[in-house]
Amino acid sequence: MITYYDNRPYPMPRLHPYVAANPQQHGYVDFKTCPESIEATLEDFSPYAHRRAIQTFYGLIRELNGPNSHLETSDCALRPPSRHQDANSALPVAIEGRLVLLYRHLPYNGMDQTAHWLCGKLMSILNAVDPAFPASEAVVGFTLNPVIQVALSKGEWVSDSDFSCAEDDPGHGQHLMLNFWAYGRDEDHAFESLDRLFRNLQVACGQLNQNIETGLAEAAEQKP
């Protein structure tokens, strides 16, 4: 399927774990330890839980945060189906959202080489999955976003919502944000496209995880 890299700058790094912007929203939830809270926590997705696409997404989140994964998720969002003016699709209805991925081993997110490998490898795998799926029905944009990983940082909280650290702080890193769009003739068709997109992403993330597993095993064998 079709992917692209979105190189728009994000000047302000986001905290990981992040704090909810308002009381009506959930902040970061660790689905590695609380997988049972996935459906209740993802408030953008719950109104459409009867749709197959959303159940597929819940399965993807469980796998990414499951015991056999080298990855985890930190954030996701979904906007309701709506009319759009995207140039790449003449289909009138669009559903868009995002998913943020990161290495479970947090120091890897702070290394340029491993962060860019994660982005490039997943793009390459997803490009090869379902090649008959056109951009007029779905597309995924990739962005490496700056973050401050509090668990690795030497910074400090200066208020309940404000964290301060130096420019060379070891907590600085990058997390991979996937922005996705699915299109359709109507709402039902758009959700069918979204389900296909999520199933493709599930396949690609499974292959990516296996690549990480293989790389770690080879690195371990090379150690003296």
N, C-alpha and C. Protein backbone atom coordinates (compact mmCIF):
# COMPACT_ATOMS: atom_id res chain seq x y z
N MET A 1 0.83 -1.19 0.00
CA MET A 1 0.00 0.00 0.00
C MET A 1 0.88 1.25 0.00
N ILE A 2 0.25 2.42 -0.12
CA ILE A 2 0.99 3.65 -0.33
C ILE A 2 1.36 4.31 1.00
N THR A 3 2.65 4.66 1.13
CA THR A 3 3.13 5.40 2.29
C THR A 3 3.96 6.59 1.80
N TYR A 4 4.20 7.53 2.70
CA TYR A 4 5.09 8.65 2.38
C TYR A 4 5.67 9.17 3.69
N TYR A 5 6.78 9.92 3.59
CA TYR A 5 7.37 10.53 4.78
C TYR A 5 6.99 12.00 4.84
N ASP A 6 6.43 12.42 5.96
CA ASP A 6 6.03 13.81 6.19
C ASP A 6 7.13 14.48 7.00
N ASN A 7 7.88 15.38 6.37
CA ASN A 7 9.04 15.98 7.04
C ASN A 7 8.76 17.35 7.63
N ARG A 8 7.50 17.64 7.92
CA ARG A 8 7.19 18.90 8.59
C ARG A 8 7.85 18.91 9.98
N PRO A 9 8.47 20.02 10.36
CA PRO A 9 9.16 20.05 11.65
C PRO A 9 8.19 20.13 12.83
N TYR A 10 8.54 19.45 13.90
CA TYR A 10 7.80 19.52 15.16
C TYR A 10 8.76 20.11 16.20
N PRO A 11 8.75 21.42 16.39
CA PRO A 11 9.79 22.07 17.19
C PRO A 11 9.74 21.74 18.68
N MET A 12 8.56 21.42 19.21
CA MET A 12 8.43 21.18 20.64
C MET A 12 8.33 19.69 20.92
N PRO A 13 9.30 19.11 21.61
CA PRO A 13 9.21 17.69 21.93
C PRO A 13 8.07 17.41 22.89
N ARG A 14 7.46 16.24 22.71
CA ARG A 14 6.37 15.82 23.58
C ARG A 14 6.93 14.94 24.68
N LEU A 15 6.31 15.01 25.85
CA LEU A 15 6.73 14.16 26.95
C LEU A 15 6.24 12.74 26.75
N HIS A 16 7.06 11.80 27.17
CA HIS A 16 6.63 10.40 27.26
C HIS A 16 7.02 9.89 28.64
N PRO A 17 6.04 9.48 29.45
CA PRO A 17 4.60 9.45 29.15
C PRO A 17 3.99 10.86 29.19
N TYR A 18 2.96 11.07 28.39
CA TYR A 18 2.36 12.40 28.29
C TYR A 18 1.18 12.52 29.25
N VAL A 19 0.82 13.76 29.54
CA VAL A 19 -0.30 14.08 30.42
C VAL A 19 -1.45 14.56 29.56
N ALA A 20 -2.68 14.15 29.91
CA ALA A 20 -3.86 14.54 29.14
C ALA A 20 -3.99 16.06 29.10
N ALA A 21 -4.45 16.57 27.94
CA ALA A 21 -4.60 18.01 27.77
C ALA A 21 -5.78 18.57 28.57
N ASN A 22 -6.80 17.75 28.80
CA ASN A 22 -7.96 18.20 29.58
C ASN A 22 -8.55 17.02 30.34
N PRO A 23 -9.39 17.30 31.36
CA PRO A 23 -9.91 16.22 32.21
C PRO A 23 -10.78 15.21 31.48
N GLN A 24 -11.31 15.56 30.32
CA GLN A 24 -12.17 14.64 29.57
C GLN A 24 -11.38 13.59 28.79
N GLN A 25 -10.06 13.74 28.74
CA GLN A 25 -9.23 12.82 27.98
C GLN A 25 -8.37 11.96 28.90
N HIS A 26 -8.03 10.76 28.40
CA HIS A 26 -7.07 9.94 29.11
C HIS A 26 -5.67 10.40 28.73
N GLY A 27 -4.76 10.36 29.68
CA GLY A 27 -3.36 10.56 29.37
C GLY A 27 -2.78 9.24 28.90
N TYR A 28 -1.47 9.13 28.98
CA TYR A 28 -0.80 7.90 28.58
C TYR A 28 -1.26 6.75 29.47
N VAL A 29 -1.58 5.62 28.84
CA VAL A 29 -1.91 4.40 29.55
C VAL A 29 -0.96 3.31 29.07
N ASP A 30 -0.35 2.61 29.98
CA ASP A 30 0.61 1.55 29.65
C ASP A 30 -0.16 0.27 29.34
N PHE A 31 -0.41 0.02 28.05
CA PHE A 31 -1.18 -1.16 27.66
C PHE A 31 -0.36 -2.45 27.81
N LYS A 32 0.93 -2.33 28.04
CA LYS A 32 1.73 -3.53 28.31
C LYS A 32 1.29 -4.18 29.61
N THR A 33 0.99 -3.35 30.59
CA THR A 33 0.58 -3.86 31.89
C THR A 33 -0.93 -3.86 32.08
N CYS A 34 -1.65 -3.10 31.25
CA CYS A 34 -3.11 -3.00 31.40
C CYS A 34 -3.81 -3.24 30.06
N PRO A 35 -3.60 -4.41 29.43
CA PRO A 35 -4.24 -4.64 28.12
C PRO A 35 -5.76 -4.65 28.19
N GLU A 36 -6.29 -4.95 29.37
CA GLU A 36 -7.75 -5.00 29.51
C GLU A 36 -8.39 -3.61 29.41
N SER A 37 -7.59 -2.55 29.49
CA SER A 37 -8.14 -1.19 29.45
C SER A 37 -8.15 -0.59 28.06
N ILE A 38 -7.71 -1.34 27.05
CA ILE A 38 -7.59 -0.79 25.69
C ILE A 38 -8.92 -0.23 25.20
N GLU A 39 -9.96 -1.02 25.22
CA GLU A 39 -11.23 -0.59 24.64
C GLU A 39 -11.86 0.55 25.43
N ALA A 40 -11.70 0.52 26.76
CA ALA A 40 -12.31 1.58 27.58
C ALA A 40 -11.55 2.89 27.48
N THR A 41 -10.25 2.82 27.21
CA THR A 41 -9.40 4.02 27.22
C THR A 41 -9.43 4.79 25.91
N LEU A 42 -9.57 4.09 24.80
CA LEU A 42 -9.48 4.75 23.49
C LEU A 42 -10.81 5.38 23.12
N GLU A 43 -11.05 6.57 23.69
CA GLU A 43 -12.38 7.19 23.59
C GLU A 43 -12.73 7.60 22.17
N ASP A 44 -11.76 7.89 21.33
CA ASP A 44 -12.07 8.25 19.93
C ASP A 44 -12.62 7.06 19.15
N PHE A 45 -12.22 5.87 19.54
CA PHE A 45 -12.57 4.67 18.78
C PHE A 45 -13.86 4.01 19.28
N SER A 46 -14.18 4.21 20.55
CA SER A 46 -15.29 3.47 21.15
C SER A 46 -16.65 3.70 20.49
N PRO A 47 -16.95 4.90 19.94
CA PRO A 47 -18.26 5.05 19.27
C PRO A 47 -18.43 4.16 18.04
N TYR A 48 -17.31 3.65 17.52
CA TYR A 48 -17.35 2.82 16.30
C TYR A 48 -16.91 1.39 16.59
N ALA A 49 -17.02 0.98 17.86
CA ALA A 49 -16.53 -0.35 18.25
C ALA A 49 -17.28 -1.48 17.55
N HIS A 50 -18.47 -1.19 17.03
CA HIS A 50 -19.23 -2.22 16.30
C HIS A 50 -18.67 -2.45 14.89
N ARG A 51 -17.78 -1.58 14.47
CA ARG A 51 -17.18 -1.71 13.13
C ARG A 51 -16.01 -2.70 13.17
N ARG A 52 -15.90 -3.50 12.15
CA ARG A 52 -14.82 -4.48 12.07
C ARG A 52 -13.46 -3.81 12.10
N ALA A 53 -13.33 -2.64 11.48
CA ALA A 53 -12.05 -1.92 11.46
C ALA A 53 -11.56 -1.62 12.87
N ILE A 54 -12.45 -1.24 13.75
CA ILE A 54 -12.05 -0.87 15.10
C ILE A 54 -11.64 -2.10 15.89
N GLN A 55 -12.33 -3.20 15.69
CA GLN A 55 -11.92 -4.44 16.35
C GLN A 55 -10.55 -4.89 15.84
N THR A 56 -10.30 -4.69 14.55
CA THR A 56 -8.97 -4.99 14.01
C THR A 56 -7.91 -4.10 14.66
N PHE A 57 -8.25 -2.83 14.86
CA PHE A 57 -7.31 -1.90 15.49
C PHE A 57 -7.02 -2.31 16.93
N TYR A 58 -8.05 -2.70 17.67
CA TYR A 58 -7.83 -3.17 19.04
C TYR A 58 -6.87 -4.36 19.04
N GLY A 59 -7.03 -5.27 18.10
CA GLY A 59 -6.13 -6.41 18.00
C GLY A 59 -4.70 -5.98 17.72
N LEU A 60 -4.53 -4.98 16.84
CA LEU A 60 -3.20 -4.44 16.55
C LEU A 60 -2.56 -3.86 17.80
N ILE A 61 -3.32 -3.10 18.57
CA ILE A 61 -2.80 -2.50 19.80
C ILE A 61 -2.40 -3.58 20.80
N ARG A 62 -3.20 -4.62 20.91
CA ARG A 62 -2.85 -5.72 21.82
C ARG A 62 -1.54 -6.39 21.40
N GLU A 63 -1.37 -6.61 20.11
CA GLU A 63 -0.16 -7.26 19.63
C GLU A 63 1.07 -6.38 19.84
N LEU A 64 0.96 -5.09 19.53
CA LEU A 64 2.10 -4.19 19.67
C LEU A 64 2.55 -4.05 21.13
N ASN A 65 1.60 -4.17 22.04
CA ASN A 65 1.91 -4.04 23.46
C ASN A 65 1.99 -5.38 24.17
N GLY A 66 1.92 -6.46 23.42
CA GLY A 66 1.89 -7.79 24.00
C GLY A 66 3.27 -8.28 24.44
N PRO A 67 3.32 -9.44 25.10
CA PRO A 67 4.58 -9.94 25.68
C PRO A 67 5.63 -10.34 24.65
N ASN A 68 5.24 -10.58 23.41
CA ASN A 68 6.20 -10.99 22.38
C ASN A 68 6.67 -9.84 21.51
N SER A 69 6.28 -8.62 21.85
CA SER A 69 6.61 -7.46 21.03
C SER A 69 7.82 -6.71 21.56
N HIS A 70 8.64 -6.19 20.64
CA HIS A 70 9.75 -5.31 21.01
C HIS A 70 9.34 -3.84 20.91
N LEU A 71 8.08 -3.61 20.59
CA LEU A 71 7.54 -2.27 20.42
C LEU A 71 6.44 -2.02 21.44
N GLU A 72 5.99 -0.79 21.47
CA GLU A 72 4.79 -0.43 22.23
C GLU A 72 4.17 0.81 21.59
N THR A 73 2.99 1.17 22.04
CA THR A 73 2.33 2.36 21.54
C THR A 73 2.24 3.39 22.65
N SER A 74 2.18 4.66 22.27
CA SER A 74 2.06 5.71 23.29
C SER A 74 0.85 6.60 23.08
N ASP A 75 0.28 6.59 21.88
CA ASP A 75 -0.82 7.51 21.60
C ASP A 75 -1.53 7.07 20.34
N CYS A 76 -2.82 7.37 20.25
CA CYS A 76 -3.56 7.16 19.00
C CYS A 76 -4.79 8.07 19.01
N ALA A 77 -5.35 8.26 17.84
CA ALA A 77 -6.52 9.13 17.70
C ALA A 77 -7.30 8.73 16.46
N LEU A 78 -8.58 9.07 16.46
CA LEU A 78 -9.44 8.81 15.29
C LEU A 78 -10.45 9.93 15.17
N ARG A 79 -10.58 10.46 13.96
CA ARG A 79 -11.60 11.47 13.70
C ARG A 79 -12.81 10.83 13.03
N PRO A 80 -14.00 11.34 13.29
CA PRO A 80 -15.20 10.75 12.69
C PRO A 80 -15.17 10.85 11.16
N PRO A 81 -15.88 9.96 10.48
CA PRO A 81 -15.98 10.06 9.02
C PRO A 81 -16.53 11.42 8.62
N SER A 82 -15.95 11.99 7.56
CA SER A 82 -16.38 13.32 7.12
C SER A 82 -16.04 13.51 5.65
N ARG A 83 -16.63 14.54 5.06
CA ARG A 83 -16.27 14.93 3.71
C ARG A 83 -14.88 15.56 3.72
N HIS A 84 -14.16 15.45 2.64
CA HIS A 84 -12.79 15.92 2.63
C HIS A 84 -12.48 16.58 1.28
N GLN A 85 -11.30 17.19 1.22
CA GLN A 85 -10.81 17.82 -0.01
C GLN A 85 -9.40 17.34 -0.35
N ASP A 86 -9.04 16.14 0.10
CA ASP A 86 -7.72 15.59 -0.21
C ASP A 86 -7.56 15.37 -1.70
N ALA A 87 -6.42 15.80 -2.23
CA ALA A 87 -6.20 15.71 -3.66
C ALA A 87 -5.99 14.28 -4.15
N ASN A 88 -5.57 13.38 -3.26
CA ASN A 88 -5.21 12.04 -3.72
C ASN A 88 -6.40 11.09 -3.84
N SER A 89 -7.61 11.52 -3.46
CA SER A 89 -8.77 10.63 -3.59
C SER A 89 -10.02 11.40 -4.00
N ALA A 90 -10.70 10.86 -5.00
CA ALA A 90 -11.97 11.44 -5.43
C ALA A 90 -13.14 10.86 -4.64
N LEU A 91 -12.89 9.83 -3.83
CA LEU A 91 -13.94 9.28 -2.99
C LEU A 91 -14.31 10.31 -1.93
N PRO A 92 -15.59 10.54 -1.68
CA PRO A 92 -15.99 11.72 -0.91
C PRO A 92 -15.82 11.65 0.61
N VAL A 93 -15.76 10.44 1.18
CA VAL A 93 -15.74 10.31 2.64
C VAL A 93 -14.35 9.86 3.11
N ALA A 94 -13.85 10.49 4.15
CA ALA A 94 -12.54 10.14 4.70
C ALA A 94 -12.63 9.89 6.20
N ILE A 95 -11.81 8.97 6.66
CA ILE A 95 -11.59 8.75 8.10
C ILE A 95 -10.09 8.88 8.32
N GLU A 96 -9.71 9.69 9.28
CA GLU A 96 -8.29 9.87 9.52
C GLU A 96 -7.96 9.71 11.00
N GLY A 97 -6.70 9.40 11.26
CA GLY A 97 -6.26 9.22 12.63
C GLY A 97 -4.76 9.09 12.70
N ARG A 98 -4.29 8.68 13.87
CA ARG A 98 -2.84 8.53 14.06
C ARG A 98 -2.56 7.41 15.06
N LEU A 99 -1.34 6.91 14.98
CA LEU A 99 -0.83 5.90 15.90
C LEU A 99 0.65 6.18 16.12
N VAL A 100 1.09 6.20 17.37
CA VAL A 100 2.49 6.47 17.69
C VAL A 100 3.14 5.20 18.24
N LEU A 101 4.26 4.83 17.62
CA LEU A 101 5.01 3.63 18.00
C LEU A 101 6.38 4.01 18.55
N LEU A 102 6.93 3.15 19.38
CA LEU A 102 8.28 3.34 19.88
C LEU A 102 8.89 2.01 20.28
N TYR A 103 10.20 2.00 20.36
CA TYR A 103 10.88 0.83 20.89
C TYR A 103 10.55 0.68 22.37
N ARG A 104 10.32 -0.55 22.79
CA ARG A 104 10.07 -0.80 24.20
C ARG A 104 11.34 -0.53 25.03
N HIS A 105 12.51 -0.82 24.44
CA HIS A 105 13.78 -0.49 25.08
C HIS A 105 14.05 0.99 24.80
N LEU A 106 13.73 1.84 25.75
CA LEU A 106 13.69 3.28 25.52
C LEU A 106 14.99 3.88 24.97
N PRO A 107 16.19 3.42 25.36
CA PRO A 107 17.40 4.02 24.79
C PRO A 107 17.48 3.95 23.27
N TYR A 108 16.87 2.94 22.64
CA TYR A 108 16.89 2.86 21.18
C TYR A 108 16.19 4.06 20.54
N ASN A 109 15.17 4.62 21.23
CA ASN A 109 14.47 5.78 20.68
C ASN A 109 15.33 7.04 20.72
N GLY A 110 16.40 7.00 21.53
CA GLY A 110 17.29 8.15 21.63
C GLY A 110 18.47 8.10 20.68
N MET A 111 18.56 7.05 19.87
CA MET A 111 19.65 6.92 18.92
C MET A 111 19.13 7.19 17.51
N ASP A 112 19.74 8.13 16.80
CA ASP A 112 19.28 8.46 15.45
C ASP A 112 19.25 7.24 14.54
N GLN A 113 20.28 6.42 14.61
CA GLN A 113 20.37 5.28 13.70
C GLN A 113 19.21 4.30 13.90
N THR A 114 18.90 3.97 15.14
CA THR A 114 17.83 3.00 15.39
C THR A 114 16.45 3.62 15.16
N ALA A 115 16.29 4.91 15.47
CA ALA A 115 15.00 5.57 15.23
C ALA A 115 14.70 5.63 13.73
N HIS A 116 15.71 6.02 12.93
CA HIS A 116 15.49 6.10 11.48
C HIS A 116 15.35 4.70 10.86
N TRP A 117 16.02 3.72 11.42
CA TRP A 117 15.84 2.35 10.93
C TRP A 117 14.40 1.90 11.14
N LEU A 118 13.84 2.17 12.30
CA LEU A 118 12.45 1.78 12.58
C LEU A 118 11.50 2.39 11.57
N CYS A 119 11.67 3.68 11.31
CA CYS A 119 10.81 4.38 10.36
C CYS A 119 10.98 3.82 8.95
N GLY A 120 12.21 3.74 8.49
CA GLY A 120 12.46 3.28 7.12
C GLY A 120 12.07 1.83 6.90
N LYS A 121 12.33 0.98 7.89
CA LYS A 121 12.01 -0.44 7.73
C LYS A 121 10.51 -0.66 7.68
N LEU A 122 9.76 0.00 8.56
CA LEU A 122 8.30 -0.19 8.54
C LEU A 122 7.71 0.37 7.26
N MET A 123 8.23 1.50 6.78
CA MET A 123 7.76 2.04 5.50
C MET A 123 8.00 1.04 4.38
N SER A 124 9.19 0.47 4.35
CA SER A 124 9.54 -0.48 3.29
C SER A 124 8.65 -1.71 3.32
N ILE A 125 8.41 -2.23 4.52
CA ILE A 125 7.55 -3.42 4.65
C ILE A 125 6.12 -3.10 4.24
N LEU A 126 5.60 -1.98 4.74
CA LEU A 126 4.20 -1.63 4.46
C LEU A 126 4.00 -1.32 2.98
N ASN A 127 5.00 -0.73 2.33
CA ASN A 127 4.92 -0.48 0.89
C ASN A 127 4.72 -1.77 0.10
N ALA A 128 5.30 -2.85 0.61
CA ALA A 128 5.23 -4.13 -0.11
C ALA A 128 3.99 -4.95 0.23
N VAL A 129 3.28 -4.55 1.27
CA VAL A 129 2.06 -5.26 1.67
C VAL A 129 0.87 -4.74 0.86
N ASP A 130 0.09 -5.65 0.31
CA ASP A 130 -1.14 -5.29 -0.40
C ASP A 130 -0.89 -4.23 -1.48
N PRO A 131 -0.05 -4.51 -2.47
CA PRO A 131 0.29 -3.50 -3.48
C PRO A 131 -0.89 -3.05 -4.34
N ALA A 132 -1.97 -3.82 -4.34
CA ALA A 132 -3.14 -3.43 -5.13
C ALA A 132 -4.02 -2.41 -4.42
N PHE A 133 -3.68 -2.06 -3.19
CA PHE A 133 -4.48 -1.11 -2.40
C PHE A 133 -4.08 0.30 -2.81
N PRO A 134 -4.95 1.05 -3.51
CA PRO A 134 -4.54 2.33 -4.07
C PRO A 134 -4.60 3.48 -3.06
N ALA A 135 -3.87 4.55 -3.36
CA ALA A 135 -3.89 5.74 -2.51
C ALA A 135 -5.27 6.39 -2.48
N SER A 136 -6.09 6.12 -3.48
CA SER A 136 -7.43 6.68 -3.49
C SER A 136 -8.31 6.05 -2.41
N GLU A 137 -7.85 4.93 -1.82
CA GLU A 137 -8.63 4.28 -0.76
C GLU A 137 -7.94 4.36 0.60
N ALA A 138 -6.62 4.52 0.62
CA ALA A 138 -5.93 4.65 1.90
C ALA A 138 -4.48 5.07 1.68
N VAL A 139 -3.93 5.78 2.66
CA VAL A 139 -2.53 6.18 2.63
C VAL A 139 -2.06 6.36 4.07
N VAL A 140 -0.76 6.12 4.30
CA VAL A 140 -0.18 6.28 5.63
C VAL A 140 1.03 7.19 5.54
N GLY A 141 1.05 8.23 6.37
CA GLY A 141 2.18 9.14 6.45
C GLY A 141 3.03 8.86 7.67
N PHE A 142 4.35 8.89 7.50
CA PHE A 142 5.30 8.59 8.57
C PHE A 142 6.01 9.87 9.01
N THR A 143 6.18 10.03 10.32
CA THR A 143 6.91 11.17 10.86
C THR A 143 7.65 10.73 12.12
N LEU A 144 8.91 11.12 12.23
CA LEU A 144 9.66 10.93 13.47
C LEU A 144 9.50 12.19 14.31
N ASN A 145 8.83 12.06 15.45
CA ASN A 145 8.55 13.20 16.30
C ASN A 145 9.50 13.28 17.48
N PRO A 146 9.97 14.47 17.82
CA PRO A 146 10.84 14.62 18.99
C PRO A 146 10.08 14.39 20.29
N VAL A 147 10.72 13.71 21.22
CA VAL A 147 10.12 13.43 22.52
C VAL A 147 11.16 13.62 23.62
N ILE A 148 10.67 13.75 24.83
CA ILE A 148 11.50 13.66 26.03
C ILE A 148 10.99 12.47 26.82
N GLN A 149 11.82 11.46 26.93
CA GLN A 149 11.45 10.26 27.67
C GLN A 149 11.84 10.46 29.14
N VAL A 150 10.83 10.71 29.96
CA VAL A 150 11.05 11.13 31.34
C VAL A 150 11.86 10.11 32.12
N ALA A 151 11.65 8.83 31.83
CA ALA A 151 12.35 7.78 32.57
C ALA A 151 13.87 7.83 32.37
N LEU A 152 14.33 8.42 31.26
CA LEU A 152 15.76 8.51 30.97
C LEU A 152 16.33 9.89 31.25
N SER A 153 15.46 10.84 31.56
CA SER A 153 15.86 12.24 31.63
C SER A 153 16.48 12.60 32.99
N LYS A 154 17.34 13.61 32.96
CA LYS A 154 17.90 14.20 34.17
C LYS A 154 17.18 15.51 34.52
N GLY A 155 16.09 15.80 33.79
CA GLY A 155 15.34 17.02 34.02
C GLY A 155 14.45 16.93 35.24
N GLU A 156 13.60 17.94 35.39
CA GLU A 156 12.74 17.98 36.57
C GLU A 156 11.41 18.64 36.23
N TRP A 157 10.41 18.29 37.01
CA TRP A 157 9.10 18.92 36.89
C TRP A 157 9.14 20.28 37.59
N VAL A 158 8.76 21.33 36.86
CA VAL A 158 8.70 22.65 37.46
C VAL A 158 7.27 23.04 37.81
N SER A 159 6.31 22.25 37.32
CA SER A 159 4.90 22.38 37.71
C SER A 159 4.24 21.05 37.39
N ASP A 160 2.93 20.95 37.64
CA ASP A 160 2.23 19.70 37.39
C ASP A 160 2.24 19.30 35.91
N SER A 161 2.41 20.27 35.02
CA SER A 161 2.34 19.98 33.59
C SER A 161 3.58 20.43 32.82
N ASP A 162 4.58 20.98 33.49
CA ASP A 162 5.75 21.54 32.80
C ASP A 162 7.01 20.83 33.28
N PHE A 163 7.71 20.22 32.30
CA PHE A 163 8.94 19.48 32.59
C PHE A 163 10.09 20.19 31.91
N SER A 164 11.19 20.39 32.62
CA SER A 164 12.32 21.14 32.08
C SER A 164 13.57 20.27 32.06
N CYS A 165 14.31 20.33 30.93
CA CYS A 165 15.57 19.61 30.84
C CYS A 165 16.49 20.31 29.86
N ALA A 166 17.76 19.94 29.88
CA ALA A 166 18.75 20.57 29.01
C ALA A 166 18.62 20.06 27.58
N GLU A 167 19.21 20.80 26.63
CA GLU A 167 19.15 20.41 25.23
C GLU A 167 19.88 19.10 24.96
N ASP A 168 20.89 18.80 25.77
CA ASP A 168 21.63 17.57 25.58
C ASP A 168 21.22 16.49 26.58
N ASP A 169 20.03 16.63 27.11
CA ASP A 169 19.53 15.67 28.11
C ASP A 169 19.42 14.27 27.50
N PRO A 170 19.77 13.22 28.24
CA PRO A 170 19.68 11.85 27.69
C PRO A 170 18.26 11.37 27.44
N GLY A 171 17.26 12.13 27.91
CA GLY A 171 15.88 11.74 27.66
C GLY A 171 15.37 12.09 26.28
N HIS A 172 16.11 12.91 25.53
CA HIS A 172 15.66 13.29 24.19
C HIS A 172 15.68 12.07 23.26
N GLY A 173 14.66 11.98 22.42
CA GLY A 173 14.58 10.89 21.46
C GLY A 173 13.55 11.19 20.39
N GLN A 174 13.18 10.15 19.65
CA GLN A 174 12.19 10.27 18.57
C GLN A 174 11.25 9.07 18.60
N HIS A 175 9.97 9.34 18.50
CA HIS A 175 8.97 8.29 18.37
C HIS A 175 8.33 8.38 16.99
N LEU A 176 7.89 7.25 16.48
CA LEU A 176 7.36 7.17 15.12
C LEU A 176 5.85 7.38 15.12
N MET A 177 5.40 8.44 14.46
CA MET A 177 3.97 8.72 14.33
C MET A 177 3.48 8.31 12.94
N LEU A 178 2.44 7.53 12.90
CA LEU A 178 1.78 7.15 11.65
C LEU A 178 0.46 7.90 11.56
N ASN A 179 0.33 8.76 10.57
CA ASN A 179 -0.95 9.39 10.27
C ASN A 179 -1.61 8.61 9.14
N PHE A 180 -2.85 8.22 9.32
CA PHE A 180 -3.51 7.40 8.31
C PHE A 180 -4.82 8.02 7.85
N TRP A 181 -5.13 7.77 6.57
CA TRP A 181 -6.37 8.22 5.95
C TRP A 181 -6.98 7.05 5.19
N ALA A 182 -8.28 6.84 5.36
CA ALA A 182 -9.02 5.83 4.60
C ALA A 182 -10.20 6.52 3.94
N TYR A 183 -10.48 6.13 2.69
CA TYR A 183 -11.49 6.81 1.90
C TYR A 183 -12.55 5.83 1.41
N GLY A 184 -13.75 6.39 1.15
CA GLY A 184 -14.80 5.54 0.63
C GLY A 184 -15.92 6.32 -0.05
N ARG A 185 -16.76 5.57 -0.76
CA ARG A 185 -17.91 6.19 -1.41
C ARG A 185 -18.90 6.72 -0.38
N ASP A 186 -18.95 6.03 0.76
CA ASP A 186 -19.82 6.41 1.86
C ASP A 186 -19.13 5.95 3.14
N GLU A 187 -19.81 6.11 4.26
CA GLU A 187 -19.19 5.76 5.55
C GLU A 187 -18.84 4.28 5.63
N ASP A 188 -19.75 3.42 5.16
CA ASP A 188 -19.49 1.98 5.22
C ASP A 188 -18.25 1.61 4.41
N HIS A 189 -18.15 2.16 3.22
CA HIS A 189 -16.99 1.86 2.37
C HIS A 189 -15.70 2.40 2.99
N ALA A 190 -15.76 3.59 3.60
CA ALA A 190 -14.58 4.16 4.24
C ALA A 190 -14.10 3.27 5.38
N PHE A 191 -15.02 2.71 6.16
CA PHE A 191 -14.62 1.81 7.24
C PHE A 191 -14.07 0.50 6.69
N GLU A 192 -14.55 0.06 5.54
CA GLU A 192 -13.96 -1.12 4.91
C GLU A 192 -12.51 -0.84 4.52
N SER A 193 -12.26 0.35 3.96
CA SER A 193 -10.89 0.74 3.61
C SER A 193 -10.02 0.83 4.86
N LEU A 194 -10.61 1.36 5.94
CA LEU A 194 -9.85 1.49 7.19
C LEU A 194 -9.49 0.12 7.75
N ASP A 195 -10.40 -0.83 7.67
CA ASP A 195 -10.12 -2.18 8.14
C ASP A 195 -8.97 -2.80 7.33
N ARG A 196 -9.01 -2.60 6.03
CA ARG A 196 -7.94 -3.13 5.18
C ARG A 196 -6.60 -2.49 5.53
N LEU A 197 -6.62 -1.18 5.79
CA LEU A 197 -5.40 -0.47 6.19
C LEU A 197 -4.86 -1.05 7.50
N PHE A 198 -5.73 -1.24 8.50
CA PHE A 198 -5.28 -1.76 9.78
C PHE A 198 -4.77 -3.20 9.67
N ARG A 199 -5.40 -4.01 8.83
CA ARG A 199 -4.92 -5.38 8.64
C ARG A 199 -3.54 -5.38 7.97
N ASN A 200 -3.33 -4.48 7.02
CA ASN A 200 -2.02 -4.35 6.40
C ASN A 200 -0.97 -3.91 7.43
N LEU A 201 -1.35 -2.97 8.29
CA LEU A 201 -0.43 -2.49 9.30
C LEU A 201 -0.11 -3.59 10.31
N GLN A 202 -1.10 -4.42 10.60
CA GLN A 202 -0.89 -5.54 11.51
C GLN A 202 0.14 -6.52 10.94
N VAL A 203 0.01 -6.81 9.65
CA VAL A 203 0.98 -7.70 8.99
C VAL A 203 2.37 -7.07 9.00
N ALA A 204 2.44 -5.79 8.66
CA ALA A 204 3.74 -5.11 8.57
C ALA A 204 4.42 -5.02 9.93
N CYS A 205 3.67 -4.72 10.98
CA CYS A 205 4.26 -4.61 12.31
C CYS A 205 4.73 -5.98 12.81
N GLY A 206 4.01 -7.03 12.42
CA GLY A 206 4.46 -8.38 12.76
C GLY A 206 5.80 -8.70 12.11
N GLN A 207 5.94 -8.34 10.84
CA GLN A 207 7.22 -8.56 10.15
C GLN A 207 8.33 -7.70 10.74
N LEU A 208 7.98 -6.45 11.09
CA LEU A 208 8.96 -5.56 11.70
C LEU A 208 9.46 -6.13 13.02
N ASN A 209 8.56 -6.62 13.82
CA ASN A 209 8.95 -7.19 15.11
C ASN A 209 9.88 -8.39 14.92
N GLN A 210 9.60 -9.19 13.89
CA GLN A 210 10.47 -10.33 13.62
C GLN A 210 11.85 -9.87 13.18
N ASN A 211 11.91 -8.79 12.41
CA ASN A 211 13.20 -8.22 12.01
C ASN A 211 13.99 -7.75 13.22
N ILE A 212 13.33 -7.13 14.17
CA ILE A 212 14.00 -6.69 15.39
C ILE A 212 14.50 -7.90 16.17
N GLU A 213 13.65 -8.91 16.28
CA GLU A 213 14.02 -10.13 16.99
C GLU A 213 15.27 -10.76 16.38
N THR A 214 15.28 -10.85 15.06
CA THR A 214 16.43 -11.43 14.36
C THR A 214 17.68 -10.60 14.57
N GLY A 215 17.56 -9.27 14.48
CA GLY A 215 18.71 -8.40 14.66
C GLY A 215 19.29 -8.49 16.06
N LEU A 216 18.44 -8.57 17.06
CA LEU A 216 18.92 -8.70 18.44
C LEU A 216 19.63 -10.03 18.65
N ALA A 217 19.09 -11.11 18.05
CA ALA A 217 19.71 -12.42 18.18
C ALA A 217 21.09 -12.44 17.52
N GLU A 218 21.20 -11.84 16.34
CA GLU A 218 22.48 -11.79 15.63
C GLU A 218 23.50 -10.95 16.41
N ALA A 219 23.04 -9.85 17.00
CA ALA A 219 23.94 -9.00 17.79
C ALA A 219 24.45 -9.75 19.02
N ALA A 220 23.57 -10.55 19.62
CA ALA A 220 23.96 -11.31 20.81
C ALA A 220 25.00 -12.37 20.46
N GLU A 221 24.88 -12.96 19.29
CA GLU A 221 25.83 -13.99 18.86
C GLU A 221 27.22 -13.41 18.59
N GLN A 222 27.24 -12.15 18.18
CA GLN A 222 28.52 -11.52 17.84
C GLN A 222 29.28 -11.01 19.05
N LYS A 223 28.62 -10.96 20.20
CA LYS A 223 29.32 -10.47 21.40
C LYS A 223 30.38 -11.48 21.83
N PRO A 224 31.56 -10.96 22.22
CA PRO A 224 32.64 -11.87 22.63
C PRO A 224 32.30 -12.62 23.93
